[in-house]
């Protein structure tokens, strides 16, 4: 995972989390045949964010092109490393969920999707990024032991 240390608009991160929430909720509610391709799309979006940074995702591009020009620049920005780690956490839940879904273990797959949905909803609704907090906590712990 390449760690790009760029600054991000936190409002864009919440926008992306809202889109992610919609996609993941649709995966849970959709009938078979619809949920599988939607989940694969979300896995690909998380992979983009995890490997190339959140700014590389289509959600970020949509926010930058259509939303940010209407609301203006942010008062403050956020380091891209914690959200990039959060994208990797999302990938760690949805990639196995996709495998399980295709293998016929839809119940277990949807539990994993539900965990990712809960984290995305939390971020979209409150701005609290669970994966970002995991990143910051592991960094603090690592500094104590190094």
Foldseek 3Di string as FASTA:
>chain_A
DDFDFDWAALLLVLQVLVVLLVLLVCLLVPDPVPNLVSLVVLLVQLVCCQPPNNCRGPSNVCCVPPPCVVVDDHPGTDTGRQVSQLSVVLNVLSVVLSVCVVVPNNVSSSVSSVVSSVQSCCCNPPVDHPSSVVVVVVVVVVVVVD
